[in-house]
Amino acid sequence: MTINITVLLESKEEFTEKLKELFEGLVVKSREEAGCIQYDLHQNIENPQAFILHEVWENKDIFDRHNSQQYVKDFFAATPTLLKAEPKIYFTTKLA
C-alpha cells in the first residue's frame, strides 16, 4: 500500500535561501531512490518562508529506508536552527 506524506516547514526569514539550497539535494536524491513515486517541493507564494514537501512512497518499509539514508539524516540535522518551529508531518490516505 502506498504511503503519502506531507511535511510543512517554515524557515526563519534570514535562512530561506539556505533552506532552499539544502532542499535541492534532498529532492534530487530522494527522487532517485527505488520506491519513490513522487517527491515534490512547493514554496508558498504569499509567505516565501513556508515550504511543503509532498511525498508518495510504494510502502512504509521503503519510506523507512528513505528516512535512514545519511543524506536525509544530514538534512534534518542541519535544519533546526533554520526553522521557526518543528516541521509538521502528516501521513495521509488519498481519497480521490
C-alpha atoms as a PDB file:
ATOM      1  CA  MET A   1       0.000   0.000   0.000  1.00  0.00           C
ATOM      2  CA  THR A   2       1.391   3.425  -0.928  1.00  0.00           C
ATOM      3  CA  ILE A   3       2.179   5.926   1.776  1.00  0.00           C
ATOM      4  CA  ASN A   4       1.562   9.663   1.348  1.00  0.00           C
ATOM      5  CA  ILE A   5       3.408  12.225   3.433  1.00  0.00           C
ATOM      6  CA  THR A   6       3.025  15.977   3.571  1.00  0.00           C
ATOM      7  CA  VAL A   7       5.602  17.976   5.509  1.00  0.00           C
ATOM      8  CA  LEU A   8       5.114  21.654   6.376  1.00  0.00           C
ATOM      9  CA  LEU A   9       8.248  23.644   7.204  1.00  0.00           C
ATOM     10  CA  GLU A  10       8.802  27.342   7.760  1.00  0.00           C
ATOM     11  CA  SER A  11      12.234  28.910   7.709  1.00  0.00           C
ATOM     12  CA  LYS A  12      13.372  31.877   9.677  1.00  0.00           C
ATOM     13  CA  GLU A  13      13.357  34.771   7.226  1.00  0.00           C
ATOM     14  CA  GLU A  14      17.131  35.122   7.135  1.00  0.00           C
ATOM     15  CA  PHE A  15      17.582  31.411   6.321  1.00  0.00           C
ATOM     16  CA  THR A  16      15.062  30.964   3.486  1.00  0.00           C
ATOM     17  CA  GLU A  17      17.700  30.748   0.742  1.00  0.00           C
ATOM     18  CA  LYS A  18      19.907  28.438   2.800  1.00  0.00           C
ATOM     19  CA  LEU A  19      16.973  26.084   3.369  1.00  0.00           C
ATOM     20  CA  LYS A  20      16.174  26.105  -0.363  1.00  0.00           C
ATOM     21  CA  GLU A  21      19.781  25.105  -1.084  1.00  0.00           C
ATOM     22  CA  LEU A  22      19.519  22.179   1.333  1.00  0.00           C
ATOM     23  CA  PHE A  23      16.205  21.132  -0.217  1.00  0.00           C
ATOM     24  CA  GLU A  24      17.782  20.880  -3.680  1.00  0.00           C
ATOM     25  CA  GLY A  25      19.992  17.947  -2.696  1.00  0.00           C
ATOM     26  CA  LEU A  26      17.249  16.295  -0.672  1.00  0.00           C
ATOM     27  CA  VAL A  27      14.749  16.394  -3.534  1.00  0.00           C
ATOM     28  CA  VAL A  28      17.165  15.152  -6.213  1.00  0.00           C
ATOM     29  CA  LYS A  29      18.459  12.243  -4.136  1.00  0.00           C
ATOM     30  CA  SER A  30      15.004  11.273  -2.871  1.00  0.00           C
ATOM     31  CA  ARG A  31      13.597  11.095  -6.398  1.00  0.00           C
ATOM     32  CA  GLU A  32      16.434   8.727  -7.356  1.00  0.00           C
ATOM     33  CA  GLU A  33      15.529   6.194  -4.664  1.00  0.00           C
ATOM     34  CA  ALA A  34      13.813   2.960  -5.607  1.00  0.00           C
ATOM     35  CA  GLY A  35      10.223   3.071  -4.412  1.00  0.00           C
ATOM     36  CA  CYS A  36       9.843   6.845  -4.644  1.00  0.00           C
ATOM     37  CA  ILE A  37       6.682   7.523  -6.641  1.00  0.00           C
ATOM     38  CA  GLN A  38       6.551  11.282  -6.111  1.00  0.00           C
ATOM     39  CA  TYR A  39       8.664  13.813  -4.247  1.00  0.00           C
ATOM     40  CA  ASP A  40       7.683  17.445  -4.735  1.00  0.00           C
ATOM     41  CA  LEU A  41       8.751  20.654  -3.032  1.00  0.00           C
ATOM     42  CA  HIS A  42       6.489  23.695  -3.008  1.00  0.00           C
ATOM     43  CA  GLN A  43       7.093  27.233  -1.746  1.00  0.00           C
ATOM     44  CA  ASN A  44       4.223  29.427  -0.580  1.00  0.00           C
ATOM     45  CA  ILE A  45       3.716  32.434  -2.864  1.00  0.00           C
ATOM     46  CA  GLU A  46       2.359  34.693  -0.115  1.00  0.00           C
ATOM     47  CA  ASN A  47       4.841  33.547   2.544  1.00  0.00           C
ATOM     48  CA  PRO A  48       8.138  32.532   0.903  1.00  0.00           C
ATOM     49  CA  GLN A  49       9.428  31.146   4.205  1.00  0.00           C
ATOM     50  CA  ALA A  50       6.777  28.376   4.102  1.00  0.00           C
ATOM     51  CA  PHE A  51       7.564  25.143   2.274  1.00  0.00           C
ATOM     52  CA  ILE A  52       5.581  21.982   1.632  1.00  0.00           C
ATOM     53  CA  LEU A  53       7.094  18.616   0.794  1.00  0.00           C
ATOM     54  CA  HIS A  54       4.697  16.104  -0.721  1.00  0.00           C
ATOM     55  CA  GLU A  55       5.969  12.547  -0.894  1.00  0.00           C
ATOM     56  CA  VAL A  56       4.484   9.313  -2.168  1.00  0.00           C
ATOM     57  CA  TRP A  57       6.310   6.039  -1.486  1.00  0.00           C
ATOM     58  CA  GLU A  58       5.474   2.485  -2.554  1.00  0.00           C
ATOM     59  CA  ASN A  59       5.136   1.311   1.050  1.00  0.00           C
ATOM     60  CA  LYS A  60       6.132   2.026   4.645  1.00  0.00           C
ATOM     61  CA  ASP A  61       9.270  -0.149   4.537  1.00  0.00           C
ATOM     62  CA  ILE A  62      10.619   1.839   1.593  1.00  0.00           C
ATOM     63  CA  PHE A  63       9.744   5.110   3.335  1.00  0.00           C
ATOM     64  CA  ASP A  64      11.522   3.923   6.495  1.00  0.00           C
ATOM     65  CA  ARG A  65      14.573   3.003   4.399  1.00  0.00           C
ATOM     66  CA  HIS A  66      14.466   6.506   2.855  1.00  0.00           C
ATOM     67  CA  ASN A  67      14.499   8.086   6.317  1.00  0.00           C
ATOM     68  CA  SER A  68      17.532   6.001   7.282  1.00  0.00           C
ATOM     69  CA  GLN A  69      19.606   7.393   4.390  1.00  0.00           C
ATOM     70  CA  GLN A  70      22.515   9.539   5.550  1.00  0.00           C
ATOM     71  CA  TYR A  71      21.566  12.474   3.320  1.00  0.00           C
ATOM     72  CA  VAL A  72      18.097  12.605   4.953  1.00  0.00           C
ATOM     73  CA  LYS A  73      19.635  12.484   8.426  1.00  0.00           C
ATOM     74  CA  ASP A  74      22.083  15.221   7.401  1.00  0.00           C
ATOM     75  CA  PHE A  75      19.246  17.420   6.095  1.00  0.00           C
ATOM     76  CA  PHE A  76      17.254  17.193   9.314  1.00  0.00           C
ATOM     77  CA  ALA A  77      20.368  17.652  11.441  1.00  0.00           C
ATOM     78  CA  ALA A  78      21.178  20.889   9.576  1.00  0.00           C
ATOM     79  CA  THR A  79      17.697  22.422   9.664  1.00  0.00           C
ATOM     80  CA  PRO A  80      16.687  23.002  13.322  1.00  0.00           C
ATOM     81  CA  THR A  81      18.436  26.371  13.556  1.00  0.00           C
ATOM     82  CA  LEU A  82      16.997  27.415  10.176  1.00  0.00           C
ATOM     83  CA  LEU A  83      13.354  26.734  11.061  1.00  0.00           C
ATOM     84  CA  LYS A  84      10.827  28.770  13.040  1.00  0.00           C
ATOM     85  CA  ALA A  85       9.340  25.585  14.538  1.00  0.00           C
ATOM     86  CA  GLU A  86       9.409  21.821  14.280  1.00  0.00           C
ATOM     87  CA  PRO A  87       8.218  20.509  10.899  1.00  0.00           C
ATOM     88  CA  LYS A  88       4.606  19.315  10.834  1.00  0.00           C
ATOM     89  CA  ILE A  89       4.347  15.876   9.286  1.00  0.00           C
ATOM     90  CA  TYR A  90       1.087  14.381   8.025  1.00  0.00           C
ATOM     91  CA  PHE A  91       0.658  10.757   6.939  1.00  0.00           C
ATOM     92  CA  THR A  92      -2.406  10.563   4.746  1.00  0.00           C
ATOM     93  CA  THR A  93      -4.515   8.315   2.582  1.00  0.00           C
ATOM     94  CA  LYS A  94      -5.524   9.591  -0.825  1.00  0.00           C
ATOM     95  CA  LEU A  95      -9.312   9.709  -1.000  1.00  0.00           C
ATOM     96  CA  ALA A  96      -9.891  10.918  -4.542  1.00  0.00           C
END
